[in-house]
Amino acid sequence: MAATERTRAQVHTGLGHLRKVAAAKGLPPITWDRTWGYRMLEDAPEIWIGYERAFFESTHHRIVNFIEGILLAHRKKRPDDPYIRTVMAQMGAIESTLHLLANLE
């Protein structure tokens, strides 16, 4: 942010764009970690996998919080509502998939 004199949101948007451009051109993914910050490594699948797992774990956590904080209350209020029954089934599948992806060996 300091080097580019851009806001956090602008830097985040720009990095997202760079990731898409890199993927379209067959370049290695841009990853981030606390030790090195952002980097693009030519041949480092362990870094890519670690980054992907961290993403899946973070997204899994957000989905679980959404289910527990919002959807369960909706289901409790209207247990026979076909909408919430479908949403709960689908969100359960998403939650399960993200948990699996975050913990693959």
Protein backbone atom coordinates (compact mmCIF):
# COMPACT_ATOMS: atom_id res chain seq x y z
CA MET A 1 0.00 0.00 0.00
CA ALA A 2 2.79 2.40 0.89
CA ALA A 3 4.74 1.70 -2.30
CA THR A 4 1.73 2.16 -4.58
CA GLU A 5 -0.05 4.86 -2.55
CA ARG A 6 -3.29 2.90 -3.00
CA THR A 7 -5.92 1.87 -0.48
CA ARG A 8 -6.10 -1.66 0.91
CA ALA A 9 -9.17 -2.33 -1.25
CA GLN A 10 -7.40 -1.12 -4.40
CA VAL A 11 -4.35 -3.28 -3.68
CA HIS A 12 -6.61 -6.29 -2.99
CA THR A 13 -8.49 -5.74 -6.26
CA GLY A 14 -5.23 -5.33 -8.17
CA LEU A 15 -3.79 -8.55 -6.76
CA GLY A 16 -6.96 -10.38 -7.73
CA HIS A 17 -6.58 -9.07 -11.27
CA LEU A 18 -2.91 -10.12 -11.37
CA ARG A 19 -3.87 -13.63 -10.24
CA LYS A 20 -6.38 -13.92 -13.09
CA VAL A 21 -3.91 -12.59 -15.66
CA ALA A 22 -1.18 -14.95 -14.41
CA ALA A 23 -3.53 -17.93 -14.58
CA ALA A 24 -4.66 -17.00 -18.10
CA LYS A 25 -1.02 -16.83 -19.24
CA GLY A 26 -0.05 -20.12 -17.56
CA LEU A 27 2.14 -18.44 -14.94
CA PRO A 28 2.45 -19.82 -11.42
CA PRO A 29 -0.10 -18.59 -8.87
CA ILE A 30 0.59 -15.60 -6.65
CA THR A 31 0.62 -16.75 -3.03
CA TRP A 32 0.99 -14.98 0.30
CA ASP A 33 2.39 -16.00 3.66
CA ARG A 34 3.44 -14.13 6.78
CA THR A 35 7.13 -14.82 6.32
CA TRP A 36 7.59 -13.80 2.68
CA GLY A 37 4.48 -11.79 1.83
CA TYR A 38 3.31 -12.04 -1.78
CA ARG A 39 5.35 -14.11 -4.20
CA MET A 40 5.12 -15.97 -7.48
CA LEU A 41 7.13 -19.18 -7.40
CA GLU A 42 7.74 -21.07 -10.62
CA ASP A 43 7.88 -24.58 -9.16
CA ALA A 44 6.65 -24.81 -5.58
CA PRO A 45 3.53 -26.98 -5.38
CA GLU A 46 3.91 -27.30 -1.59
CA ILE A 47 3.54 -23.51 -1.33
CA TRP A 48 0.55 -23.49 -3.69
CA ILE A 49 -1.11 -26.35 -1.81
CA GLY A 50 -0.50 -24.66 1.54
CA TYR A 51 -2.06 -21.46 0.26
CA GLU A 52 -5.04 -23.33 -1.18
CA ARG A 53 -5.58 -25.25 2.07
CA ALA A 54 -5.47 -22.03 4.07
CA PHE A 55 -8.09 -20.56 1.72
CA PHE A 56 -10.34 -23.62 2.08
CA GLU A 57 -9.95 -23.57 5.87
CA SER A 58 -10.78 -19.87 6.08
CA THR A 59 -13.79 -20.24 3.80
CA HIS A 60 -14.93 -23.31 5.74
CA HIS A 61 -14.81 -21.29 8.95
CA ARG A 62 -16.93 -18.51 7.42
CA ILE A 63 -19.50 -21.01 6.09
CA VAL A 64 -19.79 -22.74 9.47
CA ASN A 65 -20.32 -19.38 11.18
CA PHE A 66 -23.01 -18.46 8.63
CA ILE A 67 -24.80 -21.78 9.10
CA GLU A 68 -24.68 -21.56 12.90
CA GLY A 69 -25.41 -17.85 13.18
CA ILE A 70 -28.06 -17.35 10.49
CA LEU A 71 -29.39 -20.48 8.86
CA LEU A 72 -30.02 -22.55 12.00
CA ALA A 73 -32.18 -19.75 13.43
CA HIS A 74 -34.16 -19.62 10.18
CA ARG A 75 -34.64 -23.39 10.21
CA LYS A 76 -35.70 -23.31 13.87
CA LYS A 77 -38.34 -20.65 13.13
CA ARG A 78 -39.66 -22.36 9.98
CA PRO A 79 -38.63 -26.03 9.95
CA ASP A 80 -41.09 -26.97 7.20
CA ASP A 81 -40.01 -24.20 4.81
CA PRO A 82 -38.79 -25.93 1.61
CA TYR A 83 -36.42 -23.04 0.90
CA ILE A 84 -34.48 -23.38 4.17
CA ARG A 85 -34.46 -27.18 3.90
CA THR A 86 -32.85 -26.92 0.46
CA VAL A 87 -30.42 -24.23 1.63
CA MET A 88 -29.38 -26.32 4.66
CA ALA A 89 -28.79 -29.39 2.50
CA GLN A 90 -26.69 -27.47 0.00
CA MET A 91 -24.72 -25.55 2.65
CA GLY A 92 -24.04 -28.80 4.46
CA ALA A 93 -22.55 -30.20 1.27
CA ILE A 94 -20.45 -27.07 0.77
CA GLU A 95 -19.25 -27.16 4.38
CA SER A 96 -18.32 -30.81 4.10
CA THR A 97 -16.44 -30.27 0.82
CA LEU A 98 -14.45 -27.32 2.17
CA HIS A 99 -13.54 -29.30 5.29
CA LEU A 100 -12.34 -32.18 3.13
CA LEU A 101 -10.30 -29.91 0.85
CA ALA A 102 -8.67 -28.11 3.79
CA ASN A 103 -7.57 -31.41 5.31
CA LEU A 104 -6.51 -33.51 2.31
CA GLU A 105 -3.20 -35.29 2.77
